[in-house]
Amino acid sequence: MKELQLIIEKLSFRKIVNILRIFASYYISKIYKKPIIKALPISISIEPTTSCNLRCPECPSGLRQFTRPTGMLDIVFFKKIIAELKNTLVNLTFYFHGEPYLNPQFLDMVKHASGNGIFTITSTNAHYLNDENAKKTIESKLDKLIISVDGTTQETYEQYRIGGDLNKVIEGTKNIVKWRKQLKSKRPLIVFQFLVVKPNEHQINDVYKLAEELGVDDVKLKTAQVYDFENGNNLIPDNQKYSRYKKNASGKWSIKNKLLNQCWRMWSGCVITWDGLVVPCCFDKDAKHQLGDLKEESFKKIWLSESYNNFRKSILKSRKEIDICTNCTEGTKVWS
C-alpha cells in the first residue's frame, strides 16, 4: 500500500492518459493478434553497470559469461534518455545485471530521475551501503530499495551469494534504516528479497524475523530462474510452492506456466543496457534481440519501429519459437 501511495504521488494527467493508452493497445493487440501500440512505455529497466562483486551461480554477471560488451552507464547519456521519457514514464528500475552501487554516478542518476517525477527502484547486494552511501541514497530520493538476502546465516547465504558477506548486508541495512529515520524521510521503501532455492528454503521464517529486527518494511520471496532445469537442478527447492518448475511423469522437468502467445512486457516496458541498446526484457541477458540503439536513434523511433512491432508480432504468433521466451515466467507467480 505504501508503494502505491508513493507511485500515485508522481502521477500526472499525461502519465495517466499514457497508462490507459498502453492498456488499450495491449488488449486490442491480443484480441486482433496484431501489434498495435499507441503510447510510450510506463516501466523501464536500465543497467547502471555489468560489473558485480559477487559470483552468483545463475547470473551472467557473477559467472563473467557475457558475450556482449561490458561497462558502466554514463550520466550524460542517461540524462538524454530521461529527457525524452520523463513525461510518460512512471517507473524506472536501476538494474539489469551487475551491482548498481559500483557505478560512481549511480546515485546522481537516481537523484536526477526522482527529480523528474519518476518512481525509482534499485536492487542491491548491499555490500556497498556504508554510512556515506546510505546517507546519499536517502538524499537521492530513491523510492524503493530491494536488498538481496538469500540466507540468514553466513553458511547458507554464501551458498548462492558466492563471495558475499552477510554481516555487510546486515550492516548496510542498518545504515539505510538509520539515515532514513535521521533525515525524516519516507523514502525509500526497504524490501528484503529472498530468492528461494534448495539451500535456503529452511530459513524462510527466519528472514521475516531478521527483517522485523532490522526495521525493514517488507519481505518478498522470489522463485528462482535456473538455466539447466530439464534434468533437475540442485537449486530447485523441494517445496513446489517456491519453484517455477515441475517434475513430469517422464522424470524430466518443465516450467510450470503455459507459453501463451502474449506478453504484457512487450507493450508496457523494455530494458536499456548500459551502452544504450534497447532489448525486449530482462530474459534477454546477452542482448541478442537488439531492437535499437539509443546512441543512434530516439527512443520513440525505436519503440514504434517496424522491427519492434515485428518482435511483438512474433510474440502473438508463437512464443515457443523465441529462445528467450522458453524459460520465461509470464503467467507464473514469481513473488510470494
C-alpha atoms as a PDB file:
ATOM      1  CA  MET A   1       0.000   0.000   0.000  1.00  0.00           C
ATOM      2  CA  LYS A   2       2.860   2.373   0.843  1.00  0.00           C
ATOM      3  CA  GLU A   3       4.464   1.701  -2.547  1.00  0.00           C
ATOM      4  CA  LEU A   4       1.228   2.515  -4.351  1.00  0.00           C
ATOM      5  CA  GLN A   5       0.955   5.792  -2.462  1.00  0.00           C
ATOM      6  CA  LEU A   6       4.492   6.756  -3.489  1.00  0.00           C
ATOM      7  CA  ILE A   7       3.701   5.960  -7.124  1.00  0.00           C
ATOM      8  CA  ILE A   8       0.439   7.936  -7.080  1.00  0.00           C
ATOM      9  CA  GLU A   9       2.331  10.977  -5.790  1.00  0.00           C
ATOM     10  CA  LYS A  10       4.319  11.013  -9.037  1.00  0.00           C
ATOM     11  CA  LEU A  11       1.467  10.544 -11.491  1.00  0.00           C
ATOM     12  CA  SER A  12       0.487  13.390 -13.786  1.00  0.00           C
ATOM     13  CA  PHE A  13      -2.527  13.663 -16.063  1.00  0.00           C
ATOM     14  CA  ARG A  14      -0.304  12.953 -19.060  1.00  0.00           C
ATOM     15  CA  LYS A  15       1.097   9.818 -17.421  1.00  0.00           C
ATOM     16  CA  ILE A  16      -2.381   8.545 -16.547  1.00  0.00           C
ATOM     17  CA  VAL A  17      -3.535   9.011 -20.145  1.00  0.00           C
ATOM     18  CA  ASN A  18      -0.442   7.172 -21.371  1.00  0.00           C
ATOM     19  CA  ILE A  19      -1.141   4.276 -18.970  1.00  0.00           C
ATOM     20  CA  LEU A  20      -4.688   3.946 -20.307  1.00  0.00           C
ATOM     21  CA  ARG A  21      -3.437   4.001 -23.883  1.00  0.00           C
ATOM     22  CA  ILE A  22      -0.902   1.258 -23.131  1.00  0.00           C
ATOM     23  CA  PHE A  23      -3.570  -0.985 -21.599  1.00  0.00           C
ATOM     24  CA  ALA A  24      -5.874  -0.370 -24.555  1.00  0.00           C
ATOM     25  CA  SER A  25      -3.077  -1.100 -27.041  1.00  0.00           C
ATOM     26  CA  TYR A  26      -2.186  -4.363 -25.328  1.00  0.00           C
ATOM     27  CA  TYR A  27      -5.694  -5.783 -25.070  1.00  0.00           C
ATOM     28  CA  ILE A  28      -6.690  -4.741 -28.586  1.00  0.00           C
ATOM     29  CA  SER A  29      -3.489  -6.390 -29.862  1.00  0.00           C
ATOM     30  CA  LYS A  30      -4.387  -9.611 -28.034  1.00  0.00           C
ATOM     31  CA  ILE A  31      -7.879  -9.649 -29.496  1.00  0.00           C
ATOM     32  CA  TYR A  32      -6.843  -8.998 -33.092  1.00  0.00           C
ATOM     33  CA  LYS A  33      -3.495 -10.870 -32.917  1.00  0.00           C
ATOM     34  CA  LYS A  34      -1.862  -7.816 -34.425  1.00  0.00           C
ATOM     35  CA  PRO A  35       0.578  -5.478 -32.671  1.00  0.00           C
ATOM     36  CA  ILE A  36      -0.945  -2.080 -32.025  1.00  0.00           C
ATOM     37  CA  ILE A  37       0.992   0.435 -29.960  1.00  0.00           C
ATOM     38  CA  LYS A  38      -0.383   3.909 -29.278  1.00  0.00           C
ATOM     39  CA  ALA A  39       1.683   5.026 -26.298  1.00  0.00           C
ATOM     40  CA  LEU A  40       5.140   5.017 -24.748  1.00  0.00           C
ATOM     41  CA  PRO A  41       6.263   2.534 -22.055  1.00  0.00           C
ATOM     42  CA  ILE A  42       5.334   3.054 -18.434  1.00  0.00           C
ATOM     43  CA  SER A  43       8.098   0.927 -16.895  1.00  0.00           C
ATOM     44  CA  ILE A  44      11.728   0.604 -17.959  1.00  0.00           C
ATOM     45  CA  SER A  45      14.787  -1.130 -16.539  1.00  0.00           C
ATOM     46  CA  ILE A  46      18.146   0.483 -17.160  1.00  0.00           C
ATOM     47  CA  GLU A  47      21.553  -1.032 -16.482  1.00  0.00           C
ATOM     48  CA  PRO A  48      23.947   1.089 -14.362  1.00  0.00           C
ATOM     49  CA  THR A  49      26.761  -1.445 -14.830  1.00  0.00           C
ATOM     50  CA  THR A  50      27.526  -5.021 -15.805  1.00  0.00           C
ATOM     51  CA  SER A  51      30.119  -5.325 -13.012  1.00  0.00           C
ATOM     52  CA  CYS A  52      29.486  -7.223  -9.788  1.00  0.00           C
ATOM     53  CA  ASN A  53      31.480  -8.111  -6.703  1.00  0.00           C
ATOM     54  CA  LEU A  54      29.750 -11.496  -6.229  1.00  0.00           C
ATOM     55  CA  ARG A  55      29.720 -14.775  -8.171  1.00  0.00           C
ATOM     56  CA  CYS A  56      26.084 -15.936  -8.042  1.00  0.00           C
ATOM     57  CA  PRO A  57      25.679 -19.219  -9.993  1.00  0.00           C
ATOM     58  CA  GLU A  58      22.695 -18.274 -12.176  1.00  0.00           C
ATOM     59  CA  CYS A  59      23.827 -14.765 -13.113  1.00  0.00           C
ATOM     60  CA  PRO A  60      25.888 -13.976 -16.242  1.00  0.00           C
ATOM     61  CA  SER A  61      27.482 -11.060 -14.410  1.00  0.00           C
ATOM     62  CA  GLY A  62      28.519 -13.241 -11.494  1.00  0.00           C
ATOM     63  CA  LEU A  63      29.707 -16.000 -13.815  1.00  0.00           C
ATOM     64  CA  ARG A  64      31.534 -13.499 -16.037  1.00  0.00           C
ATOM     65  CA  GLN A  65      29.824 -15.065 -19.047  1.00  0.00           C
ATOM     66  CA  PHE A  66      28.633 -12.032 -21.032  1.00  0.00           C
ATOM     67  CA  THR A  67      29.151 -12.203 -24.778  1.00  0.00           C
ATOM     68  CA  ARG A  68      28.119  -8.550 -25.137  1.00  0.00           C
ATOM     69  CA  PRO A  69      30.286  -5.545 -24.244  1.00  0.00           C
ATOM     70  CA  THR A  70      30.550  -4.683 -20.560  1.00  0.00           C
ATOM     71  CA  GLY A  71      30.852  -1.299 -18.901  1.00  0.00           C
ATOM     72  CA  MET A  72      29.092   1.456 -16.952  1.00  0.00           C
ATOM     73  CA  LEU A  73      26.245   3.798 -17.838  1.00  0.00           C
ATOM     74  CA  ASP A  74      27.352   7.400 -18.307  1.00  0.00           C
ATOM     75  CA  ILE A  75      25.275  10.072 -16.588  1.00  0.00           C
ATOM     76  CA  VAL A  76      25.274  12.454 -19.576  1.00  0.00           C
ATOM     77  CA  PHE A  77      23.866   9.714 -21.788  1.00  0.00           C
ATOM     78  CA  PHE A  78      21.401   8.797 -19.032  1.00  0.00           C
ATOM     79  CA  LYS A  79      20.089  12.362 -18.762  1.00  0.00           C
ATOM     80  CA  LYS A  80      19.476  12.381 -22.507  1.00  0.00           C
ATOM     81  CA  ILE A  81      17.285   9.272 -22.150  1.00  0.00           C
ATOM     82  CA  ILE A  82      15.352  10.754 -19.238  1.00  0.00           C
ATOM     83  CA  ALA A  83      14.743  13.992 -21.131  1.00  0.00           C
ATOM     84  CA  GLU A  84      12.847  12.019 -23.754  1.00  0.00           C
ATOM     85  CA  LEU A  85      10.879   9.762 -21.390  1.00  0.00           C
ATOM     86  CA  LYS A  86      10.178  11.828 -18.271  1.00  0.00           C
ATOM     87  CA  ASN A  87       6.682  12.995 -19.253  1.00  0.00           C
ATOM     88  CA  THR A  88       5.243   9.496 -19.666  1.00  0.00           C
ATOM     89  CA  LEU A  89       7.498   7.124 -17.724  1.00  0.00           C
ATOM     90  CA  VAL A  90       6.084   6.030 -14.368  1.00  0.00           C
ATOM     91  CA  ASN A  91       8.611   3.519 -13.107  1.00  0.00           C
ATOM     92  CA  LEU A  92      12.378   3.242 -13.608  1.00  0.00           C
ATOM     93  CA  THR A  93      14.335   0.278 -12.254  1.00  0.00           C
ATOM     94  CA  PHE A  94      18.088   0.796 -11.995  1.00  0.00           C
ATOM     95  CA  TYR A  95      19.008  -2.820 -12.538  1.00  0.00           C
ATOM     96  CA  PHE A  96      19.538  -5.397 -15.250  1.00  0.00           C
ATOM     97  CA  HIS A  97      22.792  -7.114 -14.341  1.00  0.00           C
ATOM     98  CA  GLY A  98      25.611  -6.080 -12.062  1.00  0.00           C
ATOM     99  CA  GLU A  99      25.747  -4.213  -8.743  1.00  0.00           C
ATOM    100  CA  PRO A 100      24.413  -0.648  -9.258  1.00  0.00           C
ATOM    101  CA  TYR A 101      26.498   0.885  -6.449  1.00  0.00           C
ATOM    102  CA  LEU A 102      29.695   0.040  -8.343  1.00  0.00           C
ATOM    103  CA  ASN A 103      28.855   2.859 -10.769  1.00  0.00           C
ATOM    104  CA  PRO A 104      30.187   6.032  -9.071  1.00  0.00           C
ATOM    105  CA  GLN A 105      27.490   8.123 -10.811  1.00  0.00           C
ATOM    106  CA  PHE A 106      24.630   5.826  -9.797  1.00  0.00           C
ATOM    107  CA  LEU A 107      23.075   7.890  -7.004  1.00  0.00           C
ATOM    108  CA  ASP A 108      23.373  11.083  -9.062  1.00  0.00           C
ATOM    109  CA  MET A 109      21.333   9.330 -11.764  1.00  0.00           C
ATOM    110  CA  VAL A 110      18.738   8.278  -9.203  1.00  0.00           C
ATOM    111  CA  LYS A 111      18.500  11.848  -7.941  1.00  0.00           C
ATOM    112  CA  HIS A 112      18.040  13.132 -11.495  1.00  0.00           C
ATOM    113  CA  ALA A 113      15.268  10.658 -12.306  1.00  0.00           C
ATOM    114  CA  SER A 114      13.496  11.251  -8.982  1.00  0.00           C
ATOM    115  CA  GLY A 115      13.704  14.976  -9.550  1.00  0.00           C
ATOM    116  CA  ASN A 116      11.914  14.472 -12.857  1.00  0.00           C
ATOM    117  CA  GLY A 117       8.935  12.819 -11.177  1.00  0.00           C
ATOM    118  CA  ILE A 118       9.813   9.185 -11.901  1.00  0.00           C
ATOM    119  CA  PHE A 119       9.308   6.384  -9.355  1.00  0.00           C
ATOM    120  CA  THR A 120      12.784   4.901  -8.859  1.00  0.00           C
ATOM    121  CA  ILE A 121      13.791   1.400  -7.789  1.00  0.00           C
ATOM    122  CA  THR A 122      17.063  -0.437  -7.458  1.00  0.00           C
ATOM    123  CA  SER A 123      18.212  -3.881  -6.358  1.00  0.00           C
ATOM    124  CA  THR A 124      21.473  -4.335  -4.487  1.00  0.00           C
ATOM    125  CA  ASN A 125      23.505  -6.936  -2.637  1.00  0.00           C
ATOM    126  CA  ALA A 126      24.065  -4.202  -0.021  1.00  0.00           C
ATOM    127  CA  HIS A 127      27.825  -4.684   0.269  1.00  0.00           C
ATOM    128  CA  TYR A 128      28.424  -1.015  -0.585  1.00  0.00           C
ATOM    129  CA  LEU A 129      25.829   0.513   1.726  1.00  0.00           C
ATOM    130  CA  ASN A 130      28.406   2.079   4.019  1.00  0.00           C
ATOM    131  CA  ASP A 131      27.389   5.046   6.135  1.00  0.00           C
ATOM    132  CA  GLU A 132      28.197   7.605   3.416  1.00  0.00           C
ATOM    133  CA  ASN A 133      26.389   5.751   0.629  1.00  0.00           C
ATOM    134  CA  ALA A 134      23.402   5.073   2.861  1.00  0.00           C
ATOM    135  CA  LYS A 135      23.006   8.777   3.580  1.00  0.00           C
ATOM    136  CA  LYS A 136      23.413   9.654  -0.112  1.00  0.00           C
ATOM    137  CA  THR A 137      20.803   7.024  -1.007  1.00  0.00           C
ATOM    138  CA  ILE A 138      18.221   8.721   1.215  1.00  0.00           C
ATOM    139  CA  GLU A 139      19.194  12.131  -0.180  1.00  0.00           C
ATOM    140  CA  SER A 140      18.798  10.851  -3.755  1.00  0.00           C
ATOM    141  CA  LYS A 141      15.056  10.338  -3.084  1.00  0.00           C
ATOM    142  CA  LEU A 142      15.186   6.720  -4.246  1.00  0.00           C
ATOM    143  CA  ASP A 143      11.663   5.341  -3.842  1.00  0.00           C
ATOM    144  CA  LYS A 144      12.299   1.623  -3.366  1.00  0.00           C
ATOM    145  CA  LEU A 145      15.414  -0.267  -2.299  1.00  0.00           C
ATOM    146  CA  ILE A 146      15.458  -4.037  -2.792  1.00  0.00           C
ATOM    147  CA  ILE A 147      18.151  -5.793  -0.770  1.00  0.00           C
ATOM    148  CA  SER A 148      19.042  -9.364  -1.680  1.00  0.00           C
ATOM    149  CA  VAL A 149      19.163 -11.513   1.456  1.00  0.00           C
ATOM    150  CA  ASP A 150      19.278 -15.169   0.435  1.00  0.00           C
ATOM    151  CA  GLY A 151      20.086 -16.643   3.824  1.00  0.00           C
ATOM    152  CA  THR A 152      20.040 -15.662   7.494  1.00  0.00           C
ATOM    153  CA  THR A 153      23.352 -17.342   8.382  1.00  0.00           C
ATOM    154  CA  GLN A 154      26.665 -16.882   6.572  1.00  0.00           C
ATOM    155  CA  GLU A 155      26.854 -20.608   5.796  1.00  0.00           C
ATOM    156  CA  THR A 156      23.508 -20.552   3.974  1.00  0.00           C
ATOM    157  CA  TYR A 157      23.865 -17.083   2.455  1.00  0.00           C
ATOM    158  CA  GLU A 158      27.172 -17.803   0.720  1.00  0.00           C
ATOM    159  CA  GLN A 159      25.876 -20.957  -0.970  1.00  0.00           C
ATOM    160  CA  TYR A 160      24.112 -18.754  -3.524  1.00  0.00           C
ATOM    161  CA  ARG A 161      25.726 -15.340  -2.957  1.00  0.00           C
ATOM    162  CA  ILE A 162      29.209 -16.693  -3.570  1.00  0.00           C
ATOM    163  CA  GLY A 163      31.845 -14.312  -2.256  1.00  0.00           C
ATOM    164  CA  GLY A 164      29.280 -12.428  -0.193  1.00  0.00           C
ATOM    165  CA  ASP A 165      29.371 -11.404   3.465  1.00  0.00           C
ATOM    166  CA  LEU A 166      26.045 -11.463   5.318  1.00  0.00           C
ATOM    167  CA  ASN A 167      27.409  -9.157   8.021  1.00  0.00           C
ATOM    168  CA  LYS A 168      27.938  -6.454   5.374  1.00  0.00           C
ATOM    169  CA  VAL A 169      24.325  -6.880   4.219  1.00  0.00           C
ATOM    170  CA  ILE A 170      23.035  -6.514   7.774  1.00  0.00           C
ATOM    171  CA  GLU A 171      25.278  -3.522   8.453  1.00  0.00           C
ATOM    172  CA  GLY A 172      24.226  -1.871   5.185  1.00  0.00           C
ATOM    173  CA  THR A 173      20.561  -2.386   6.037  1.00  0.00           C
ATOM    174  CA  LYS A 174      21.082  -0.817   9.455  1.00  0.00           C
ATOM    175  CA  ASN A 175      22.751   2.200   7.824  1.00  0.00           C
ATOM    176  CA  ILE A 176      19.819   2.737   5.450  1.00  0.00           C
ATOM    177  CA  VAL A 177      17.242   2.408   8.226  1.00  0.00           C
ATOM    178  CA  LYS A 178      19.259   4.781  10.438  1.00  0.00           C
ATOM    179  CA  TRP A 179      19.621   7.528   7.836  1.00  0.00           C
ATOM    180  CA  ARG A 180      16.018   7.291   6.692  1.00  0.00           C
ATOM    181  CA  LYS A 181      14.998   7.913  10.289  1.00  0.00           C
ATOM    182  CA  GLN A 182      17.548  10.676  10.923  1.00  0.00           C
ATOM    183  CA  LEU A 183      16.644  12.539   7.730  1.00  0.00           C
ATOM    184  CA  LYS A 184      12.940  12.039   8.492  1.00  0.00           C
ATOM    185  CA  SER A 185      12.295  10.620   5.036  1.00  0.00           C
ATOM    186  CA  LYS A 186       9.530   8.261   3.955  1.00  0.00           C
ATOM    187  CA  ARG A 187      11.749   7.048   1.117  1.00  0.00           C
ATOM    188  CA  PRO A 188      12.954   4.544   0.191  1.00  0.00           C
ATOM    189  CA  LEU A 189      10.641   1.651   0.876  1.00  0.00           C
ATOM    190  CA  ILE A 190      13.092  -1.002   2.119  1.00  0.00           C
ATOM    191  CA  VAL A 191      12.426  -4.548   0.939  1.00  0.00           C
ATOM    192  CA  PHE A 192      14.284  -7.785   1.638  1.00  0.00           C
ATOM    193  CA  GLN A 193      14.263 -10.057  -1.417  1.00  0.00           C
ATOM    194  CA  PHE A 194      14.746 -13.709  -0.519  1.00  0.00           C
ATOM    195  CA  LEU A 195      15.447 -15.850  -3.582  1.00  0.00           C
ATOM    196  CA  VAL A 196      14.117 -19.253  -2.566  1.00  0.00           C
ATOM    197  CA  VAL A 197      16.490 -22.064  -3.558  1.00  0.00           C
ATOM    198  CA  LYS A 198      17.052 -25.504  -2.096  1.00  0.00           C
ATOM    199  CA  PRO A 199      19.995 -24.489   0.145  1.00  0.00           C
ATOM    200  CA  ASN A 200      17.994 -21.730   1.904  1.00  0.00           C
ATOM    201  CA  GLU A 201      14.329 -22.755   1.871  1.00  0.00           C
ATOM    202  CA  HIS A 202      14.571 -23.864   5.520  1.00  0.00           C
ATOM    203  CA  GLN A 203      15.235 -20.219   6.515  1.00  0.00           C
ATOM    204  CA  ILE A 204      12.108 -18.612   5.069  1.00  0.00           C
ATOM    205  CA  ASN A 205      10.600 -17.957   8.503  1.00  0.00           C
ATOM    206  CA  ASP A 206      13.931 -16.644   9.767  1.00  0.00           C
ATOM    207  CA  VAL A 207      14.211 -13.946   7.095  1.00  0.00           C
ATOM    208  CA  TYR A 208      10.908 -12.434   8.239  1.00  0.00           C
ATOM    209  CA  LYS A 209      12.252 -12.293  11.807  1.00  0.00           C
ATOM    210  CA  LEU A 210      15.500 -10.681  10.641  1.00  0.00           C
ATOM    211  CA  ALA A 211      13.613  -8.059   8.633  1.00  0.00           C
ATOM    212  CA  GLU A 212      11.484  -7.143  11.634  1.00  0.00           C
ATOM    213  CA  GLU A 213      14.529  -6.870  13.889  1.00  0.00           C
ATOM    214  CA  LEU A 214      16.266  -4.505  11.455  1.00  0.00           C
ATOM    215  CA  GLY A 215      13.238  -2.304  10.689  1.00  0.00           C
ATOM    216  CA  VAL A 216      12.800  -3.434   7.077  1.00  0.00           C
ATOM    217  CA  ASP A 217       9.401  -2.586   5.569  1.00  0.00           C
ATOM    218  CA  ASP A 218       8.658  -5.789   3.686  1.00  0.00           C
ATOM    219  CA  VAL A 219       9.948  -9.214   2.674  1.00  0.00           C
ATOM    220  CA  LYS A 220       9.398 -10.653  -0.786  1.00  0.00           C
ATOM    221  CA  LEU A 221      10.028 -14.319  -1.529  1.00  0.00           C
ATOM    222  CA  LYS A 222      11.112 -14.784  -5.125  1.00  0.00           C
ATOM    223  CA  THR A 223      11.215 -18.007  -7.096  1.00  0.00           C
ATOM    224  CA  ALA A 224      14.490 -18.711  -8.871  1.00  0.00           C
ATOM    225  CA  GLN A 225      15.095 -18.939 -12.603  1.00  0.00           C
ATOM    226  CA  VAL A 226      17.636 -21.631 -13.453  1.00  0.00           C
ATOM    227  CA  TYR A 227      19.139 -22.266 -16.869  1.00  0.00           C
ATOM    228  CA  ASP A 228      19.526 -26.047 -16.881  1.00  0.00           C
ATOM    229  CA  PHE A 229      16.305 -27.394 -15.428  1.00  0.00           C
ATOM    230  CA  GLU A 230      15.215 -30.233 -17.772  1.00  0.00           C
ATOM    231  CA  ASN A 231      17.130 -32.872 -15.795  1.00  0.00           C
ATOM    232  CA  GLY A 232      16.628 -31.193 -12.446  1.00  0.00           C
ATOM    233  CA  ASN A 233      18.866 -28.677 -10.706  1.00  0.00           C
ATOM    234  CA  ASN A 234      20.335 -28.515  -7.214  1.00  0.00           C
ATOM    235  CA  LEU A 235      18.861 -25.036  -6.770  1.00  0.00           C
ATOM    236  CA  ILE A 236      15.220 -26.066  -7.332  1.00  0.00           C
ATOM    237  CA  PRO A 237      13.561 -26.102  -3.879  1.00  0.00           C
ATOM    238  CA  ASP A 238      11.739 -29.146  -2.521  1.00  0.00           C
ATOM    239  CA  ASN A 239       8.694 -27.030  -1.667  1.00  0.00           C
ATOM    240  CA  GLN A 240       6.931 -26.697  -5.014  1.00  0.00           C
ATOM    241  CA  LYS A 241       5.200 -23.534  -3.839  1.00  0.00           C
ATOM    242  CA  TYR A 242       8.511 -21.753  -4.372  1.00  0.00           C
ATOM    243  CA  SER A 243       9.531 -23.377  -7.640  1.00  0.00           C
ATOM    244  CA  ARG A 244       8.990 -22.167 -11.201  1.00  0.00           C
ATOM    245  CA  TYR A 245       9.447 -25.750 -12.405  1.00  0.00           C
ATOM    246  CA  LYS A 246       7.672 -29.085 -12.019  1.00  0.00           C
ATOM    247  CA  LYS A 247       8.775 -32.688 -12.427  1.00  0.00           C
ATOM    248  CA  ASN A 248       6.814 -34.572 -15.063  1.00  0.00           C
ATOM    249  CA  ALA A 249       5.862 -38.266 -15.193  1.00  0.00           C
ATOM    250  CA  SER A 250       8.757 -38.842 -17.571  1.00  0.00           C
ATOM    251  CA  GLY A 251      11.201 -37.682 -14.911  1.00  0.00           C
ATOM    252  CA  LYS A 252      12.020 -34.525 -16.854  1.00  0.00           C
ATOM    253  CA  TRP A 253      11.390 -31.038 -15.510  1.00  0.00           C
ATOM    254  CA  SER A 254       9.474 -28.247 -17.226  1.00  0.00           C
ATOM    255  CA  ILE A 255       8.402 -24.694 -16.471  1.00  0.00           C
ATOM    256  CA  LYS A 256       5.018 -24.596 -14.727  1.00  0.00           C
ATOM    257  CA  ASN A 257       3.291 -21.986 -16.833  1.00  0.00           C
ATOM    258  CA  LYS A 258       1.998 -22.478 -20.339  1.00  0.00           C
ATOM    259  CA  LEU A 259       3.698 -20.445 -23.044  1.00  0.00           C
ATOM    260  CA  LEU A 260       0.711 -18.340 -24.027  1.00  0.00           C
ATOM    261  CA  ASN A 261       1.162 -16.179 -27.098  1.00  0.00           C
ATOM    262  CA  GLN A 262       1.055 -12.899 -25.238  1.00  0.00           C
ATOM    263  CA  CYS A 263       3.360 -10.756 -23.126  1.00  0.00           C
ATOM    264  CA  TRP A 264       2.403  -7.601 -21.255  1.00  0.00           C
ATOM    265  CA  ARG A 265       6.045  -6.568 -21.029  1.00  0.00           C
ATOM    266  CA  MET A 266       6.305  -6.073 -24.808  1.00  0.00           C
ATOM    267  CA  TRP A 267       3.753  -3.256 -24.567  1.00  0.00           C
ATOM    268  CA  SER A 268       4.464  -1.800 -21.121  1.00  0.00           C
ATOM    269  CA  GLY A 269       8.247  -1.633 -20.976  1.00  0.00           C
ATOM    270  CA  CYS A 270      11.705  -2.754 -22.001  1.00  0.00           C
ATOM    271  CA  VAL A 271      15.322  -2.913 -20.886  1.00  0.00           C
ATOM    272  CA  ILE A 272      18.084  -0.461 -21.785  1.00  0.00           C
ATOM    273  CA  THR A 273      21.654  -1.743 -21.451  1.00  0.00           C
ATOM    274  CA  TRP A 274      24.491   0.399 -20.101  1.00  0.00           C
ATOM    275  CA  ASP A 275      25.560   1.274 -23.670  1.00  0.00           C
ATOM    276  CA  GLY A 276      22.090   2.202 -24.926  1.00  0.00           C
ATOM    277  CA  LEU A 277      20.820  -0.977 -26.570  1.00  0.00           C
ATOM    278  CA  VAL A 278      17.057  -1.464 -26.305  1.00  0.00           C
ATOM    279  CA  VAL A 279      16.120  -5.106 -25.682  1.00  0.00           C
ATOM    280  CA  PRO A 280      12.709  -6.667 -25.054  1.00  0.00           C
ATOM    281  CA  CYS A 281      13.019  -7.755 -21.433  1.00  0.00           C
ATOM    282  CA  CYS A 282      15.257  -8.989 -18.616  1.00  0.00           C
ATOM    283  CA  PHE A 283      15.329 -12.527 -20.046  1.00  0.00           C
ATOM    284  CA  ASP A 284      17.472 -11.286 -22.929  1.00  0.00           C
ATOM    285  CA  LYS A 285      20.542 -11.296 -20.713  1.00  0.00           C
ATOM    286  CA  ASP A 286      23.070 -11.116 -23.547  1.00  0.00           C
ATOM    287  CA  ALA A 287      21.095  -8.566 -25.620  1.00  0.00           C
ATOM    288  CA  LYS A 288      20.676 -10.937 -28.566  1.00  0.00           C
ATOM    289  CA  HIS A 289      17.382  -9.347 -29.605  1.00  0.00           C
ATOM    290  CA  GLN A 290      18.518  -5.774 -30.122  1.00  0.00           C
ATOM    291  CA  LEU A 291      15.583  -3.620 -31.206  1.00  0.00           C
ATOM    292  CA  GLY A 292      17.503  -0.368 -31.458  1.00  0.00           C
ATOM    293  CA  ASP A 293      20.437   1.699 -30.262  1.00  0.00           C
ATOM    294  CA  LEU A 294      19.819   4.930 -28.370  1.00  0.00           C
ATOM    295  CA  LYS A 295      23.207   6.248 -29.433  1.00  0.00           C
ATOM    296  CA  GLU A 296      21.849   6.376 -32.981  1.00  0.00           C
ATOM    297  CA  GLU A 297      18.053   6.830 -32.715  1.00  0.00           C
ATOM    298  CA  SER A 298      15.474   8.358 -30.396  1.00  0.00           C
ATOM    299  CA  PHE A 299      13.633   6.050 -28.023  1.00  0.00           C
ATOM    300  CA  LYS A 300      10.265   6.840 -29.593  1.00  0.00           C
ATOM    301  CA  LYS A 301      11.511   5.914 -33.047  1.00  0.00           C
ATOM    302  CA  ILE A 302      12.793   2.567 -31.744  1.00  0.00           C
ATOM    303  CA  TRP A 303       9.659   1.834 -29.678  1.00  0.00           C
ATOM    304  CA  LEU A 304       7.344   2.409 -32.644  1.00  0.00           C
ATOM    305  CA  SER A 305       9.661   0.880 -35.259  1.00  0.00           C
ATOM    306  CA  GLU A 306       8.888  -1.911 -37.669  1.00  0.00           C
ATOM    307  CA  SER A 307      11.497  -4.173 -36.065  1.00  0.00           C
ATOM    308  CA  TYR A 308       9.933  -3.738 -32.600  1.00  0.00           C
ATOM    309  CA  ASN A 309       6.461  -4.416 -33.965  1.00  0.00           C
ATOM    310  CA  ASN A 310       7.746  -7.470 -35.801  1.00  0.00           C
ATOM    311  CA  PHE A 311       9.027  -8.810 -32.500  1.00  0.00           C
ATOM    312  CA  ARG A 312       5.658  -8.128 -30.874  1.00  0.00           C
ATOM    313  CA  LYS A 313       4.022  -9.906 -33.823  1.00  0.00           C
ATOM    314  CA  SER A 314       6.219 -12.968 -33.242  1.00  0.00           C
ATOM    315  CA  ILE A 315       5.104 -12.984 -29.588  1.00  0.00           C
ATOM    316  CA  LEU A 316       1.447 -13.010 -30.608  1.00  0.00           C
ATOM    317  CA  LYS A 317       2.118 -15.774 -33.123  1.00  0.00           C
ATOM    318  CA  SER A 318       4.299 -18.280 -31.240  1.00  0.00           C
ATOM    319  CA  ARG A 319       6.372 -17.578 -28.139  1.00  0.00           C
ATOM    320  CA  LYS A 320       7.777 -21.107 -28.079  1.00  0.00           C
ATOM    321  CA  GLU A 321       9.852 -20.268 -31.148  1.00  0.00           C
ATOM    322  CA  ILE A 322      11.608 -17.372 -29.377  1.00  0.00           C
ATOM    323  CA  ASP A 323      14.617 -18.531 -27.360  1.00  0.00           C
ATOM    324  CA  ILE A 324      14.309 -16.043 -24.502  1.00  0.00           C
ATOM    325  CA  CYS A 325      10.648 -16.983 -24.005  1.00  0.00           C
ATOM    326  CA  THR A 326      11.197 -20.694 -23.376  1.00  0.00           C
ATOM    327  CA  ASN A 327      12.313 -20.118 -19.770  1.00  0.00           C
ATOM    328  CA  CYS A 328      10.031 -17.138 -19.184  1.00  0.00           C
ATOM    329  CA  THR A 329       7.645 -16.896 -16.252  1.00  0.00           C
ATOM    330  CA  GLU A 330       4.949 -14.813 -17.964  1.00  0.00           C
ATOM    331  CA  GLY A 331       1.765 -16.144 -16.355  1.00  0.00           C
ATOM    332  CA  THR A 332       3.592 -17.724 -13.397  1.00  0.00           C
ATOM    333  CA  LYS A 333       3.635 -16.372  -9.848  1.00  0.00           C
ATOM    334  CA  VAL A 334       7.195 -15.151  -9.346  1.00  0.00           C
ATOM    335  CA  TRP A 335       6.712 -13.439  -5.973  1.00  0.00           C
ATOM    336  CA  SER A 336       5.207 -14.983  -2.850  1.00  0.00           C
END
